[in-house]
Amino acid sequence: MANYISRLIKEDEISYKGVFDFKEFFSLVRNFLERYDYDIDEKEYKDESSGGLKSLTVKWAADKKLDDYNKAIIKLKFKLSKCKETYVDGAKVMEGNLNLSVKVEVERDYDDKWSKSPFKKLSMALYGKYVADEKQNYVDKLVKNLIDNLKTEVKQYLKI
């Protein structure tokens, strides 16, 4: 059995239009992931300005080994559009559109250690047939709950 990826959440989005502190928002998401021991890798940072308005796209991939077989991969895309810098109570903030999209995958046998020998392949096949469903459902539910908690924190921060 070679490793494979199970997509738990194809794409979920949170959109907001208004005034927000992007650095604080960015920190909120980063701190949330770090609190649950996810490693964050910035895949893209694209900043553009036109006519006094800013656009920004940032992509992250956050991953965590859940056990010796499952690894969660959370792909986040922050997108700011039609934003302008302004000040509220002396603090620099952005006014415009903010979009956060989240995709979640669980990679099974992420190190290919269960597909390297015939004995391990057989063991994994038996495990998969008689034991794994309950454990895999538990792992999937754990990751989905984490994303639900992230979305709740983001919505509370944005007051939506």
N, C-alpha and C. Protein backbone atom coordinates (compact mmCIF):
# COMPACT_ATOMS: atom_id res chain seq x y z
N MET A 1 0.86 -1.18 0.00
CA MET A 1 0.00 0.00 0.00
C MET A 1 0.89 1.23 0.00
N ALA A 2 0.91 1.98 -1.04
CA ALA A 2 1.71 3.20 -1.11
C ALA A 2 0.97 4.33 -0.40
N ASN A 3 1.73 5.37 -0.08
CA ASN A 3 1.07 6.48 0.60
C ASN A 3 0.05 7.15 -0.33
N TYR A 4 -0.95 7.69 0.26
CA TYR A 4 -1.96 8.40 -0.51
C TYR A 4 -2.48 9.56 0.32
N ILE A 5 -3.13 10.47 -0.37
CA ILE A 5 -3.63 11.68 0.29
C ILE A 5 -5.15 11.66 0.31
N SER A 6 -5.68 11.87 1.47
CA SER A 6 -7.12 11.96 1.65
C SER A 6 -7.46 13.44 1.84
N ARG A 7 -8.32 13.97 0.99
CA ARG A 7 -8.72 15.38 1.11
C ARG A 7 -9.91 15.47 2.06
N LEU A 8 -9.68 16.07 3.20
CA LEU A 8 -10.75 16.19 4.19
C LEU A 8 -11.61 17.42 3.90
N ILE A 9 -10.95 18.51 3.52
CA ILE A 9 -11.67 19.74 3.19
C ILE A 9 -11.11 20.22 1.86
N LYS A 10 -11.93 20.19 0.82
CA LYS A 10 -11.45 20.59 -0.50
C LYS A 10 -11.08 22.05 -0.52
N GLU A 11 -11.97 22.89 -0.08
CA GLU A 11 -11.65 24.31 0.09
C GLU A 11 -12.80 24.96 0.85
N ASP A 12 -12.42 25.66 1.89
CA ASP A 12 -13.38 26.38 2.71
C ASP A 12 -12.87 27.81 2.80
N GLU A 13 -13.76 28.78 2.68
CA GLU A 13 -13.35 30.18 2.66
C GLU A 13 -14.07 31.00 3.72
N ILE A 14 -13.33 31.97 4.22
CA ILE A 14 -13.90 32.99 5.09
C ILE A 14 -13.60 34.32 4.42
N SER A 15 -14.62 35.10 4.18
CA SER A 15 -14.45 36.40 3.53
C SER A 15 -14.92 37.51 4.46
N TYR A 16 -14.22 38.63 4.39
CA TYR A 16 -14.53 39.77 5.25
C TYR A 16 -14.25 41.05 4.47
N LYS A 17 -15.10 42.02 4.64
CA LYS A 17 -14.89 43.33 4.04
C LYS A 17 -15.01 44.37 5.14
N GLY A 18 -13.97 45.16 5.30
CA GLY A 18 -14.00 46.18 6.34
C GLY A 18 -12.60 46.55 6.77
N VAL A 19 -12.47 46.97 8.02
CA VAL A 19 -11.20 47.42 8.58
C VAL A 19 -10.64 46.28 9.44
N PHE A 20 -9.34 46.03 9.28
CA PHE A 20 -8.69 44.96 10.04
C PHE A 20 -7.20 45.23 10.14
N ASP A 21 -6.60 44.68 11.18
CA ASP A 21 -5.15 44.75 11.37
C ASP A 21 -4.58 43.47 10.80
N PHE A 22 -3.99 43.57 9.62
CA PHE A 22 -3.54 42.36 8.94
C PHE A 22 -2.40 41.66 9.69
N LYS A 23 -1.47 42.42 10.26
CA LYS A 23 -0.38 41.80 11.01
C LYS A 23 -0.92 41.01 12.20
N GLU A 24 -1.89 41.59 12.87
CA GLU A 24 -2.50 40.91 14.02
C GLU A 24 -3.26 39.66 13.56
N PHE A 25 -3.97 39.78 12.43
CA PHE A 25 -4.71 38.64 11.88
C PHE A 25 -3.75 37.51 11.48
N PHE A 26 -2.68 37.89 10.82
CA PHE A 26 -1.65 36.94 10.41
C PHE A 26 -1.09 36.22 11.63
N SER A 27 -0.79 36.98 12.68
CA SER A 27 -0.26 36.42 13.93
C SER A 27 -1.25 35.48 14.59
N LEU A 28 -2.53 35.84 14.54
CA LEU A 28 -3.56 34.99 15.12
C LEU A 28 -3.53 33.60 14.49
N VAL A 29 -3.48 33.55 13.17
CA VAL A 29 -3.48 32.26 12.46
C VAL A 29 -2.18 31.51 12.73
N ARG A 30 -1.05 32.22 12.66
CA ARG A 30 0.26 31.58 12.92
C ARG A 30 0.30 31.02 14.34
N ASN A 31 -0.11 31.81 15.32
CA ASN A 31 -0.09 31.36 16.72
C ASN A 31 -1.00 30.16 16.93
N PHE A 32 -2.16 30.15 16.26
CA PHE A 32 -3.07 29.02 16.37
C PHE A 32 -2.38 27.75 15.89
N LEU A 33 -1.77 27.80 14.72
CA LEU A 33 -1.11 26.61 14.16
C LEU A 33 0.08 26.18 15.02
N GLU A 34 0.85 27.15 15.49
CA GLU A 34 2.00 26.82 16.34
C GLU A 34 1.56 26.23 17.68
N ARG A 35 0.44 26.69 18.17
CA ARG A 35 -0.10 26.17 19.44
C ARG A 35 -0.39 24.67 19.33
N TYR A 36 -0.74 24.22 18.13
CA TYR A 36 -1.02 22.80 17.90
C TYR A 36 0.16 22.09 17.23
N ASP A 37 1.34 22.69 17.32
CA ASP A 37 2.61 22.10 16.86
C ASP A 37 2.67 21.83 15.36
N TYR A 38 2.07 22.69 14.58
CA TYR A 38 2.17 22.58 13.12
C TYR A 38 3.40 23.36 12.65
N ASP A 39 4.14 22.79 11.72
CA ASP A 39 5.25 23.47 11.08
C ASP A 39 4.70 24.25 9.90
N ILE A 40 5.07 25.52 9.80
CA ILE A 40 4.53 26.40 8.76
C ILE A 40 5.61 26.71 7.74
N ASP A 41 5.26 26.55 6.48
CA ASP A 41 6.17 26.87 5.38
C ASP A 41 5.46 27.86 4.45
N GLU A 42 6.06 29.05 4.30
CA GLU A 42 5.46 30.03 3.41
C GLU A 42 5.82 29.66 1.97
N LYS A 43 4.81 29.40 1.17
CA LYS A 43 5.01 28.97 -0.21
C LYS A 43 5.02 30.12 -1.19
N GLU A 44 4.29 31.20 -0.86
CA GLU A 44 4.20 32.33 -1.78
C GLU A 44 3.90 33.60 -1.00
N TYR A 45 4.50 34.69 -1.45
CA TYR A 45 4.21 36.02 -0.92
C TYR A 45 4.23 36.97 -2.09
N LYS A 46 3.08 37.49 -2.45
CA LYS A 46 2.95 38.35 -3.62
C LYS A 46 2.23 39.62 -3.21
N ASP A 47 2.93 40.75 -3.34
CA ASP A 47 2.42 42.04 -2.92
C ASP A 47 2.37 42.96 -4.14
N GLU A 48 1.22 43.56 -4.39
CA GLU A 48 1.06 44.46 -5.54
C GLU A 48 0.33 45.73 -5.10
N SER A 49 0.65 46.82 -5.77
CA SER A 49 -0.03 48.08 -5.52
C SER A 49 -0.41 48.71 -6.84
N SER A 50 -1.61 49.30 -6.87
CA SER A 50 -2.06 49.96 -8.08
C SER A 50 -3.10 51.02 -7.71
N GLY A 51 -2.87 52.24 -8.13
CA GLY A 51 -3.83 53.30 -7.88
C GLY A 51 -4.10 53.55 -6.41
N GLY A 52 -3.09 53.39 -5.56
CA GLY A 52 -3.26 53.62 -4.13
C GLY A 52 -3.89 52.45 -3.38
N LEU A 53 -4.23 51.38 -4.09
CA LEU A 53 -4.80 50.20 -3.44
C LEU A 53 -3.79 49.06 -3.47
N LYS A 54 -3.80 48.27 -2.40
CA LYS A 54 -2.87 47.15 -2.28
C LYS A 54 -3.61 45.83 -2.47
N SER A 55 -2.88 44.88 -3.03
CA SER A 55 -3.33 43.49 -3.10
C SER A 55 -2.19 42.63 -2.57
N LEU A 56 -2.55 41.60 -1.86
CA LEU A 56 -1.54 40.73 -1.27
C LEU A 56 -2.07 39.30 -1.29
N THR A 57 -1.20 38.38 -1.69
CA THR A 57 -1.53 36.96 -1.63
C THR A 57 -0.40 36.26 -0.89
N VAL A 58 -0.74 35.49 0.13
CA VAL A 58 0.23 34.72 0.89
C VAL A 58 -0.31 33.30 0.99
N LYS A 59 0.56 32.33 0.66
CA LYS A 59 0.18 30.92 0.75
C LYS A 59 1.09 30.22 1.74
N TRP A 60 0.46 29.47 2.64
CA TRP A 60 1.18 28.66 3.62
C TRP A 60 0.80 27.20 3.47
N ALA A 61 1.75 26.34 3.80
CA ALA A 61 1.47 24.92 3.99
C ALA A 61 1.94 24.60 5.40
N ALA A 62 1.03 24.14 6.21
CA ALA A 62 1.35 23.77 7.60
C ALA A 62 1.14 22.28 7.73
N ASP A 63 2.13 21.59 8.31
CA ASP A 63 1.96 20.15 8.45
C ASP A 63 2.37 19.67 9.83
N LYS A 64 1.86 18.51 10.14
CA LYS A 64 2.16 17.90 11.44
C LYS A 64 1.99 16.39 11.31
N LYS A 65 2.98 15.66 11.81
CA LYS A 65 2.86 14.20 11.86
C LYS A 65 1.96 13.88 13.04
N LEU A 66 0.85 13.23 12.74
CA LEU A 66 -0.13 12.91 13.79
C LEU A 66 0.23 11.61 14.50
N ASP A 67 0.81 10.69 13.76
CA ASP A 67 1.30 9.43 14.30
C ASP A 67 2.29 8.88 13.28
N ASP A 68 2.66 7.60 13.41
CA ASP A 68 3.67 7.06 12.49
C ASP A 68 3.10 6.71 11.11
N TYR A 69 1.83 7.04 10.88
CA TYR A 69 1.20 6.71 9.61
C TYR A 69 0.52 7.91 8.94
N ASN A 70 0.01 8.84 9.74
CA ASN A 70 -0.77 9.97 9.23
C ASN A 70 -0.06 11.30 9.45
N LYS A 71 -0.11 12.14 8.41
CA LYS A 71 0.40 13.50 8.51
C LYS A 71 -0.67 14.44 7.97
N ALA A 72 -1.02 15.45 8.77
CA ALA A 72 -1.99 16.45 8.35
C ALA A 72 -1.27 17.56 7.60
N ILE A 73 -1.88 18.02 6.52
CA ILE A 73 -1.34 19.12 5.73
C ILE A 73 -2.46 20.15 5.56
N ILE A 74 -2.24 21.34 6.08
CA ILE A 74 -3.21 22.42 6.00
C ILE A 74 -2.66 23.47 5.04
N LYS A 75 -3.40 23.73 3.98
CA LYS A 75 -2.98 24.73 2.99
C LYS A 75 -3.85 25.96 3.16
N LEU A 76 -3.20 27.07 3.47
CA LEU A 76 -3.91 28.33 3.71
C LEU A 76 -3.51 29.34 2.64
N LYS A 77 -4.50 30.11 2.21
CA LYS A 77 -4.25 31.19 1.26
C LYS A 77 -4.91 32.45 1.80
N PHE A 78 -4.09 33.45 2.12
CA PHE A 78 -4.56 34.75 2.57
C PHE A 78 -4.58 35.65 1.33
N LYS A 79 -5.70 36.32 1.11
CA LYS A 79 -5.79 37.21 -0.04
C LYS A 79 -6.42 38.52 0.39
N LEU A 80 -5.68 39.58 0.19
CA LEU A 80 -6.20 40.93 0.43
C LEU A 80 -6.37 41.58 -0.92
N SER A 81 -7.48 42.27 -1.10
CA SER A 81 -7.69 42.98 -2.36
C SER A 81 -8.39 44.31 -2.09
N LYS A 82 -8.10 45.25 -2.97
CA LYS A 82 -8.69 46.60 -2.88
C LYS A 82 -8.52 47.19 -1.49
N CYS A 83 -7.31 47.04 -0.95
CA CYS A 83 -7.03 47.52 0.41
C CYS A 83 -6.25 48.82 0.38
N LYS A 84 -6.57 49.64 1.36
CA LYS A 84 -5.78 50.85 1.55
C LYS A 84 -5.42 50.93 3.03
N GLU A 85 -4.25 51.50 3.28
CA GLU A 85 -3.79 51.67 4.64
C GLU A 85 -4.50 52.86 5.26
N THR A 86 -4.85 52.71 6.50
CA THR A 86 -5.50 53.79 7.24
C THR A 86 -5.09 53.65 8.71
N TYR A 87 -5.53 54.56 9.54
CA TYR A 87 -5.20 54.51 10.97
C TYR A 87 -6.48 54.56 11.79
N VAL A 88 -6.52 53.72 12.80
CA VAL A 88 -7.63 53.71 13.76
C VAL A 88 -7.00 53.74 15.15
N ASP A 89 -7.34 54.74 15.92
CA ASP A 89 -6.78 54.92 17.27
C ASP A 89 -5.25 54.89 17.25
N GLY A 90 -4.65 55.48 16.22
CA GLY A 90 -3.20 55.54 16.11
C GLY A 90 -2.54 54.27 15.60
N ALA A 91 -3.32 53.23 15.35
CA ALA A 91 -2.76 51.97 14.85
C ALA A 91 -2.96 51.86 13.35
N LYS A 92 -1.94 51.40 12.65
CA LYS A 92 -2.02 51.22 11.21
C LYS A 92 -2.83 49.96 10.90
N VAL A 93 -3.88 50.13 10.11
CA VAL A 93 -4.76 49.01 9.75
C VAL A 93 -5.03 49.05 8.24
N MET A 94 -5.69 48.03 7.77
CA MET A 94 -6.07 47.95 6.36
C MET A 94 -7.59 48.06 6.26
N GLU A 95 -8.04 48.66 5.19
CA GLU A 95 -9.47 48.70 4.89
C GLU A 95 -9.65 48.12 3.50
N GLY A 96 -10.46 47.07 3.42
CA GLY A 96 -10.67 46.42 2.13
C GLY A 96 -11.21 45.02 2.30
N ASN A 97 -10.85 44.14 1.37
CA ASN A 97 -11.35 42.77 1.34
C ASN A 97 -10.27 41.81 1.84
N LEU A 98 -10.69 40.91 2.70
CA LEU A 98 -9.81 39.86 3.23
C LEU A 98 -10.47 38.53 2.98
N ASN A 99 -9.72 37.60 2.44
CA ASN A 99 -10.23 36.25 2.17
C ASN A 99 -9.20 35.26 2.68
N LEU A 100 -9.66 34.28 3.43
CA LEU A 100 -8.81 33.19 3.90
C LEU A 100 -9.42 31.90 3.40
N SER A 101 -8.66 31.16 2.59
CA SER A 101 -9.15 29.85 2.15
C SER A 101 -8.29 28.77 2.77
N VAL A 102 -8.95 27.67 3.10
CA VAL A 102 -8.29 26.56 3.79
C VAL A 102 -8.61 25.26 3.06
N LYS A 103 -7.56 24.49 2.80
CA LYS A 103 -7.70 23.14 2.26
C LYS A 103 -6.97 22.22 3.23
N VAL A 104 -7.52 21.04 3.45
CA VAL A 104 -6.90 20.12 4.40
C VAL A 104 -6.78 18.74 3.78
N GLU A 105 -5.60 18.16 3.97
CA GLU A 105 -5.34 16.82 3.48
C GLU A 105 -4.71 16.02 4.62
N VAL A 106 -4.91 14.71 4.58
CA VAL A 106 -4.18 13.82 5.46
C VAL A 106 -3.43 12.85 4.57
N GLU A 107 -2.12 12.85 4.72
CA GLU A 107 -1.29 11.94 3.94
C GLU A 107 -1.07 10.68 4.75
N ARG A 108 -1.45 9.57 4.17
CA ARG A 108 -1.30 8.27 4.83
C ARG A 108 0.06 7.68 4.41
N ASP A 109 0.70 6.97 5.31
CA ASP A 109 2.00 6.35 5.07
C ASP A 109 2.97 7.37 4.46
N TYR A 110 3.09 8.51 5.13
CA TYR A 110 3.87 9.64 4.61
C TYR A 110 5.35 9.33 4.43
N ASP A 111 5.89 8.36 5.11
CA ASP A 111 7.30 7.99 4.96
C ASP A 111 7.49 6.73 4.12
N ASP A 112 6.41 6.22 3.55
CA ASP A 112 6.45 4.97 2.75
C ASP A 112 7.04 3.80 3.52
N LYS A 113 6.93 3.82 4.83
CA LYS A 113 7.54 2.72 5.57
C LYS A 113 6.67 1.46 5.57
N TRP A 114 5.42 1.58 5.20
CA TRP A 114 4.56 0.40 5.18
C TRP A 114 4.46 -0.21 3.79
N SER A 115 5.17 0.33 2.84
CA SER A 115 5.10 -0.24 1.48
C SER A 115 6.45 -0.74 1.00
N LYS A 116 7.44 -0.77 1.88
CA LYS A 116 8.80 -1.13 1.47
C LYS A 116 9.08 -2.63 1.45
N SER A 117 8.39 -3.41 2.24
CA SER A 117 8.66 -4.85 2.24
C SER A 117 7.35 -5.61 2.13
N PRO A 118 7.40 -6.83 1.59
CA PRO A 118 6.17 -7.63 1.45
C PRO A 118 5.48 -7.89 2.80
N PHE A 119 6.26 -8.12 3.87
CA PHE A 119 5.66 -8.36 5.18
C PHE A 119 4.90 -7.12 5.67
N LYS A 120 5.51 -5.96 5.50
CA LYS A 120 4.85 -4.74 5.94
C LYS A 120 3.62 -4.44 5.10
N LYS A 121 3.68 -4.74 3.81
CA LYS A 121 2.52 -4.55 2.94
C LYS A 121 1.37 -5.43 3.41
N LEU A 122 1.68 -6.69 3.72
CA LEU A 122 0.66 -7.63 4.20
C LEU A 122 0.11 -7.15 5.54
N SER A 123 1.01 -6.76 6.43
CA SER A 123 0.57 -6.26 7.75
C SER A 123 -0.36 -5.06 7.59
N MET A 124 0.01 -4.14 6.70
CA MET A 124 -0.81 -2.95 6.49
C MET A 124 -2.15 -3.30 5.86
N ALA A 125 -2.16 -4.27 4.94
CA ALA A 125 -3.41 -4.68 4.32
C ALA A 125 -4.35 -5.27 5.37
N LEU A 126 -3.83 -6.11 6.25
CA LEU A 126 -4.65 -6.70 7.31
C LEU A 126 -5.12 -5.62 8.29
N TYR A 127 -4.20 -4.73 8.64
CA TYR A 127 -4.55 -3.63 9.52
C TYR A 127 -5.65 -2.77 8.90
N GLY A 128 -5.48 -2.48 7.63
CA GLY A 128 -6.46 -1.65 6.93
C GLY A 128 -7.82 -2.30 6.85
N LYS A 129 -7.83 -3.61 6.67
CA LYS A 129 -9.09 -4.33 6.51
C LYS A 129 -9.84 -4.51 7.83
N TYR A 130 -9.10 -4.72 8.93
CA TYR A 130 -9.76 -5.09 10.18
C TYR A 130 -9.69 -4.05 11.30
N VAL A 131 -8.78 -3.11 11.23
CA VAL A 131 -8.58 -2.22 12.36
C VAL A 131 -8.66 -0.74 12.00
N ALA A 132 -8.14 -0.35 10.88
CA ALA A 132 -7.83 1.04 10.57
C ALA A 132 -9.02 1.98 10.47
N ASP A 133 -10.16 1.50 10.03
CA ASP A 133 -11.28 2.42 9.82
C ASP A 133 -11.58 3.30 11.02
N GLU A 134 -11.65 2.68 12.19
CA GLU A 134 -11.97 3.45 13.40
C GLU A 134 -10.87 4.47 13.70
N LYS A 135 -9.62 4.05 13.58
CA LYS A 135 -8.51 4.96 13.86
C LYS A 135 -8.46 6.08 12.82
N GLN A 136 -8.63 5.75 11.55
CA GLN A 136 -8.57 6.77 10.50
C GLN A 136 -9.72 7.75 10.65
N ASN A 137 -10.89 7.27 11.01
CA ASN A 137 -12.02 8.16 11.24
C ASN A 137 -11.73 9.11 12.41
N TYR A 138 -11.06 8.57 13.44
CA TYR A 138 -10.69 9.39 14.59
C TYR A 138 -9.70 10.48 14.17
N VAL A 139 -8.67 10.10 13.41
CA VAL A 139 -7.66 11.06 12.94
C VAL A 139 -8.31 12.13 12.07
N ASP A 140 -9.16 11.72 11.14
CA ASP A 140 -9.84 12.68 10.26
C ASP A 140 -10.71 13.65 11.07
N LYS A 141 -11.42 13.12 12.05
CA LYS A 141 -12.28 13.95 12.88
C LYS A 141 -11.46 14.94 13.71
N LEU A 142 -10.30 14.50 14.19
CA LEU A 142 -9.41 15.35 14.96
C LEU A 142 -8.96 16.56 14.13
N VAL A 143 -8.58 16.30 12.88
CA VAL A 143 -8.11 17.38 12.00
C VAL A 143 -9.27 18.31 11.62
N LYS A 144 -10.43 17.73 11.33
CA LYS A 144 -11.59 18.57 11.00
C LYS A 144 -11.98 19.46 12.18
N ASN A 145 -11.92 18.93 13.39
CA ASN A 145 -12.22 19.73 14.58
C ASN A 145 -11.22 20.87 14.75
N LEU A 146 -9.96 20.62 14.47
CA LEU A 146 -8.95 21.65 14.54
C LEU A 146 -9.29 22.80 13.59
N ILE A 147 -9.69 22.47 12.36
CA ILE A 147 -10.03 23.49 11.38
C ILE A 147 -11.30 24.23 11.80
N ASP A 148 -12.26 23.53 12.35
CA ASP A 148 -13.46 24.20 12.87
C ASP A 148 -13.08 25.21 13.95
N ASN A 149 -12.13 24.83 14.83
CA ASN A 149 -11.68 25.74 15.88
C ASN A 149 -10.95 26.94 15.30
N LEU A 150 -10.13 26.71 14.27
CA LEU A 150 -9.45 27.82 13.61
C LEU A 150 -10.45 28.78 13.00
N LYS A 151 -11.44 28.25 12.28
CA LYS A 151 -12.46 29.10 11.67
C LYS A 151 -13.23 29.88 12.72
N THR A 152 -13.53 29.26 13.84
CA THR A 152 -14.23 29.95 14.93
C THR A 152 -13.40 31.11 15.46
N GLU A 153 -12.10 30.88 15.69
CA GLU A 153 -11.24 31.96 16.19
C GLU A 153 -11.14 33.10 15.18
N VAL A 154 -11.00 32.75 13.90
CA VAL A 154 -10.91 33.78 12.86
C VAL A 154 -12.20 34.59 12.80
N LYS A 155 -13.34 33.93 12.82
CA LYS A 155 -14.63 34.63 12.76
C LYS A 155 -14.84 35.50 14.00
N GLN A 156 -14.41 35.02 15.15
CA GLN A 156 -14.53 35.83 16.38
C GLN A 156 -13.65 37.06 16.27
N TYR A 157 -12.43 36.89 15.75
CA TYR A 157 -11.53 38.02 15.60
C TYR A 157 -12.11 39.06 14.64
N LEU A 158 -12.66 38.59 13.54
CA LEU A 158 -13.23 39.50 12.53
C LEU A 158 -14.64 39.96 12.88
N LYS A 159 -15.21 39.36 13.92
CA LYS A 159 -16.57 39.68 14.37
C LYS A 159 -17.61 39.41 13.27
N ILE A 160 -17.48 38.23 12.66
CA ILE A 160 -18.47 37.81 11.64
C ILE A 160 -19.12 36.51 12.05
